[in-house]
């Protein structure tokens, strides 16, 4: 279970970094969508893999807000 937890945590963090560091506006929307999906998936998983890791949940919520802010900036 630890390996799965680590892999899932790595997946959302990599998707998040990929989106946040994207400089080309043509590639930003799909990366934002991928990061948002990975974050939402991991938030759902945190309730199923032995109880939520509160530190990770806080990081996920911060990342979710950052992605939403980037979406908003992308729309304007």
N, C-alpha and C. Protein backbone atom coordinates (compact mmCIF):
# COMPACT_ATOMS: atom_id res chain seq x y z
N UNK A 1 0.82 -1.18 0.00
CA UNK A 1 0.00 0.00 0.00
C UNK A 1 0.87 1.26 0.00
N UNK A 2 2.03 1.23 0.67
CA UNK A 2 2.92 2.38 0.69
C UNK A 2 3.41 2.74 -0.71
N UNK A 3 3.72 1.73 -1.52
CA UNK A 3 4.20 2.00 -2.88
C UNK A 3 3.11 2.66 -3.70
N UNK A 4 1.88 2.21 -3.55
CA UNK A 4 0.75 2.82 -4.28
C UNK A 4 0.56 4.25 -3.82
N UNK A 5 0.61 4.48 -2.53
CA UNK A 5 0.46 5.83 -1.99
C UNK A 5 1.52 6.75 -2.56
N UNK A 6 2.76 6.32 -2.55
CA UNK A 6 3.87 7.14 -3.06
C UNK A 6 3.71 7.39 -4.55
N UNK A 7 3.31 6.37 -5.30
CA UNK A 7 3.13 6.53 -6.74
C UNK A 7 2.01 7.52 -7.04
N UNK A 8 0.88 7.42 -6.32
CA UNK A 8 -0.24 8.32 -6.54
C UNK A 8 0.11 9.74 -6.15
N UNK A 9 0.88 9.88 -5.08
CA UNK A 9 1.31 11.21 -4.66
C UNK A 9 2.24 11.81 -5.71
N UNK A 10 3.12 11.01 -6.25
CA UNK A 10 4.03 11.48 -7.30
C UNK A 10 3.27 11.87 -8.55
N UNK A 11 2.23 11.12 -8.89
CA UNK A 11 1.47 11.41 -10.12
C UNK A 11 0.84 12.79 -10.06
N UNK A 12 0.17 13.12 -8.95
CA UNK A 12 -0.48 14.42 -8.91
C UNK A 12 0.53 15.56 -8.81
N UNK A 13 1.63 15.33 -8.08
CA UNK A 13 2.62 16.40 -7.97
C UNK A 13 3.31 16.66 -9.31
N UNK A 14 3.58 15.60 -10.07
CA UNK A 14 4.20 15.79 -11.38
C UNK A 14 3.25 16.51 -12.34
N UNK A 15 1.98 16.13 -12.33
CA UNK A 15 0.99 16.80 -13.20
C UNK A 15 0.86 18.27 -12.80
N UNK A 16 0.88 18.53 -11.51
CA UNK A 16 0.78 19.90 -11.02
C UNK A 16 1.99 20.73 -11.46
N UNK A 17 3.18 20.20 -11.25
CA UNK A 17 4.40 20.91 -11.67
C UNK A 17 4.41 21.15 -13.17
N UNK A 18 4.00 20.14 -13.93
CA UNK A 18 3.98 20.26 -15.38
C UNK A 18 3.08 21.42 -15.81
N UNK A 19 1.94 21.58 -15.16
CA UNK A 19 1.01 22.65 -15.50
C UNK A 19 1.54 24.01 -15.06
N UNK A 20 2.02 24.08 -13.84
CA UNK A 20 2.45 25.37 -13.28
C UNK A 20 3.67 25.91 -14.01
N UNK A 21 4.52 25.03 -14.49
CA UNK A 21 5.75 25.48 -15.15
C UNK A 21 5.60 25.66 -16.67
N UNK A 22 4.41 25.39 -17.21
CA UNK A 22 4.19 25.53 -18.65
C UNK A 22 4.17 27.01 -19.03
N UNK A 23 4.99 27.39 -19.98
CA UNK A 23 5.07 28.78 -20.42
C UNK A 23 4.33 29.03 -21.73
N UNK A 24 4.11 28.00 -22.51
CA UNK A 24 3.44 28.16 -23.80
C UNK A 24 1.93 28.08 -23.60
N UNK A 25 1.20 29.18 -23.87
CA UNK A 25 -0.25 29.19 -23.64
C UNK A 25 -1.01 28.14 -24.46
N UNK A 26 -0.43 27.66 -25.54
CA UNK A 26 -1.10 26.64 -26.35
C UNK A 26 -1.18 25.31 -25.62
N UNK A 27 -0.20 25.04 -24.76
CA UNK A 27 -0.13 23.77 -24.06
C UNK A 27 -0.69 23.83 -22.64
N UNK A 28 -1.00 25.04 -22.17
CA UNK A 28 -1.45 25.19 -20.80
C UNK A 28 -2.81 24.55 -20.51
N UNK A 29 -3.85 24.77 -21.31
CA UNK A 29 -5.16 24.19 -20.95
C UNK A 29 -5.17 22.67 -20.74
N UNK A 30 -4.57 21.88 -21.63
CA UNK A 30 -4.60 20.44 -21.35
C UNK A 30 -3.78 20.04 -20.12
N UNK A 31 -2.73 20.79 -19.84
CA UNK A 31 -1.93 20.49 -18.66
C UNK A 31 -2.68 20.88 -17.39
N UNK A 32 -3.41 22.00 -17.44
CA UNK A 32 -4.24 22.37 -16.30
C UNK A 32 -5.32 21.33 -16.05
N UNK A 33 -5.93 20.85 -17.13
CA UNK A 33 -6.98 19.83 -17.01
C UNK A 33 -6.42 18.54 -16.42
N UNK A 34 -5.24 18.15 -16.86
CA UNK A 34 -4.61 16.92 -16.35
C UNK A 34 -4.26 17.07 -14.87
N UNK A 35 -3.74 18.23 -14.50
CA UNK A 35 -3.40 18.47 -13.10
C UNK A 35 -4.65 18.48 -12.23
N UNK A 36 -5.68 19.14 -12.71
CA UNK A 36 -6.92 19.20 -11.95
C UNK A 36 -7.50 17.80 -11.74
N UNK A 37 -7.49 16.99 -12.78
CA UNK A 37 -8.00 15.62 -12.67
C UNK A 37 -7.17 14.79 -11.70
N UNK A 38 -5.85 14.92 -11.78
CA UNK A 38 -4.96 14.16 -10.89
C UNK A 38 -5.17 14.57 -9.43
N UNK A 39 -5.34 15.85 -9.20
CA UNK A 39 -5.57 16.35 -7.85
C UNK A 39 -6.91 15.84 -7.31
N UNK A 40 -7.95 15.95 -8.13
CA UNK A 40 -9.27 15.47 -7.70
C UNK A 40 -9.25 13.97 -7.43
N UNK A 41 -8.58 13.22 -8.29
CA UNK A 41 -8.48 11.76 -8.09
C UNK A 41 -7.78 11.45 -6.77
N UNK A 42 -6.68 12.16 -6.51
CA UNK A 42 -5.93 11.89 -5.29
C UNK A 42 -6.73 12.30 -4.05
N UNK A 43 -7.47 13.40 -4.14
CA UNK A 43 -8.32 13.80 -3.02
C UNK A 43 -9.34 12.70 -2.70
N UNK A 44 -9.90 12.10 -3.73
CA UNK A 44 -10.84 11.00 -3.52
C UNK A 44 -10.14 9.80 -2.90
N UNK A 45 -8.94 9.50 -3.36
CA UNK A 45 -8.19 8.34 -2.86
C UNK A 45 -7.78 8.49 -1.41
N UNK A 46 -7.55 9.70 -0.95
CA UNK A 46 -7.06 9.88 0.41
C UNK A 46 -8.01 9.32 1.44
N UNK A 47 -9.29 9.24 1.11
CA UNK A 47 -10.25 8.66 2.03
C UNK A 47 -10.27 7.15 2.00
N UNK A 48 -9.59 6.53 1.03
CA UNK A 48 -9.66 5.09 0.85
C UNK A 48 -8.37 4.36 1.19
N UNK A 49 -7.29 5.06 1.40
CA UNK A 49 -6.04 4.34 1.64
C UNK A 49 -5.54 4.51 3.07
N UNK A 50 -6.41 4.19 4.01
CA UNK A 50 -6.00 4.16 5.40
C UNK A 50 -6.20 5.46 6.14
N UNK A 51 -7.01 6.32 5.66
CA UNK A 51 -7.25 7.58 6.34
C UNK A 51 -6.44 8.69 5.71
N UNK A 52 -6.98 9.89 5.75
CA UNK A 52 -6.30 10.99 5.08
C UNK A 52 -5.02 11.42 5.78
N UNK A 53 -4.04 11.66 4.99
CA UNK A 53 -2.80 12.27 5.46
C UNK A 53 -3.06 13.78 5.40
N UNK A 54 -3.25 14.40 6.55
CA UNK A 54 -3.68 15.79 6.58
C UNK A 54 -2.70 16.72 5.88
N UNK A 55 -1.42 16.43 5.98
CA UNK A 55 -0.43 17.27 5.28
C UNK A 55 -0.63 17.19 3.77
N UNK A 56 -0.84 15.96 3.27
CA UNK A 56 -1.06 15.81 1.83
C UNK A 56 -2.37 16.46 1.41
N UNK A 57 -3.41 16.32 2.22
CA UNK A 57 -4.70 16.93 1.88
C UNK A 57 -4.55 18.45 1.80
N UNK A 58 -3.80 19.05 2.71
CA UNK A 58 -3.58 20.50 2.65
C UNK A 58 -2.82 20.87 1.38
N UNK A 59 -1.83 20.08 1.02
CA UNK A 59 -1.08 20.35 -0.22
C UNK A 59 -2.00 20.21 -1.43
N UNK A 60 -2.85 19.21 -1.42
CA UNK A 60 -3.79 19.00 -2.53
C UNK A 60 -4.75 20.18 -2.65
N UNK A 61 -5.26 20.65 -1.53
CA UNK A 61 -6.18 21.79 -1.55
C UNK A 61 -5.49 23.05 -2.05
N UNK A 62 -4.24 23.26 -1.64
CA UNK A 62 -3.47 24.41 -2.14
C UNK A 62 -3.24 24.29 -3.64
N UNK A 63 -2.88 23.10 -4.08
CA UNK A 63 -2.66 22.89 -5.52
C UNK A 63 -3.95 23.10 -6.30
N UNK A 64 -5.05 22.63 -5.75
CA UNK A 64 -6.35 22.80 -6.41
C UNK A 64 -6.67 24.29 -6.58
N UNK A 65 -6.43 25.08 -5.53
CA UNK A 65 -6.68 26.52 -5.63
C UNK A 65 -5.75 27.17 -6.66
N UNK A 66 -4.51 26.73 -6.71
CA UNK A 66 -3.57 27.29 -7.68
C UNK A 66 -4.02 26.99 -9.11
N UNK A 67 -4.45 25.76 -9.35
CA UNK A 67 -4.93 25.40 -10.69
C UNK A 67 -6.16 26.23 -11.06
N UNK A 68 -7.06 26.41 -10.11
CA UNK A 68 -8.26 27.22 -10.38
C UNK A 68 -7.88 28.66 -10.71
N UNK A 69 -6.89 29.21 -10.02
CA UNK A 69 -6.41 30.56 -10.30
C UNK A 69 -5.82 30.63 -11.70
N UNK A 70 -5.03 29.64 -12.07
CA UNK A 70 -4.44 29.62 -13.42
C UNK A 70 -5.53 29.48 -14.49
N UNK A 71 -6.55 28.67 -14.22
CA UNK A 71 -7.68 28.57 -15.16
C UNK A 71 -8.33 29.93 -15.34
N UNK A 72 -8.54 30.61 -14.21
CA UNK A 72 -9.19 31.93 -14.27
C UNK A 72 -8.34 32.92 -15.08
N UNK A 73 -7.05 32.91 -14.85
CA UNK A 73 -6.15 33.80 -15.60
C UNK A 73 -6.14 33.43 -17.08
N UNK A 74 -6.24 32.16 -17.38
CA UNK A 74 -6.23 31.69 -18.77
C UNK A 74 -7.49 32.19 -19.50
N UNK A 75 -8.60 32.31 -18.78
CA UNK A 75 -9.86 32.72 -19.38
C UNK A 75 -9.91 34.23 -19.66
N UNK A 76 -9.07 35.01 -18.98
CA UNK A 76 -9.13 36.46 -19.17
C UNK A 76 -8.10 36.93 -20.16
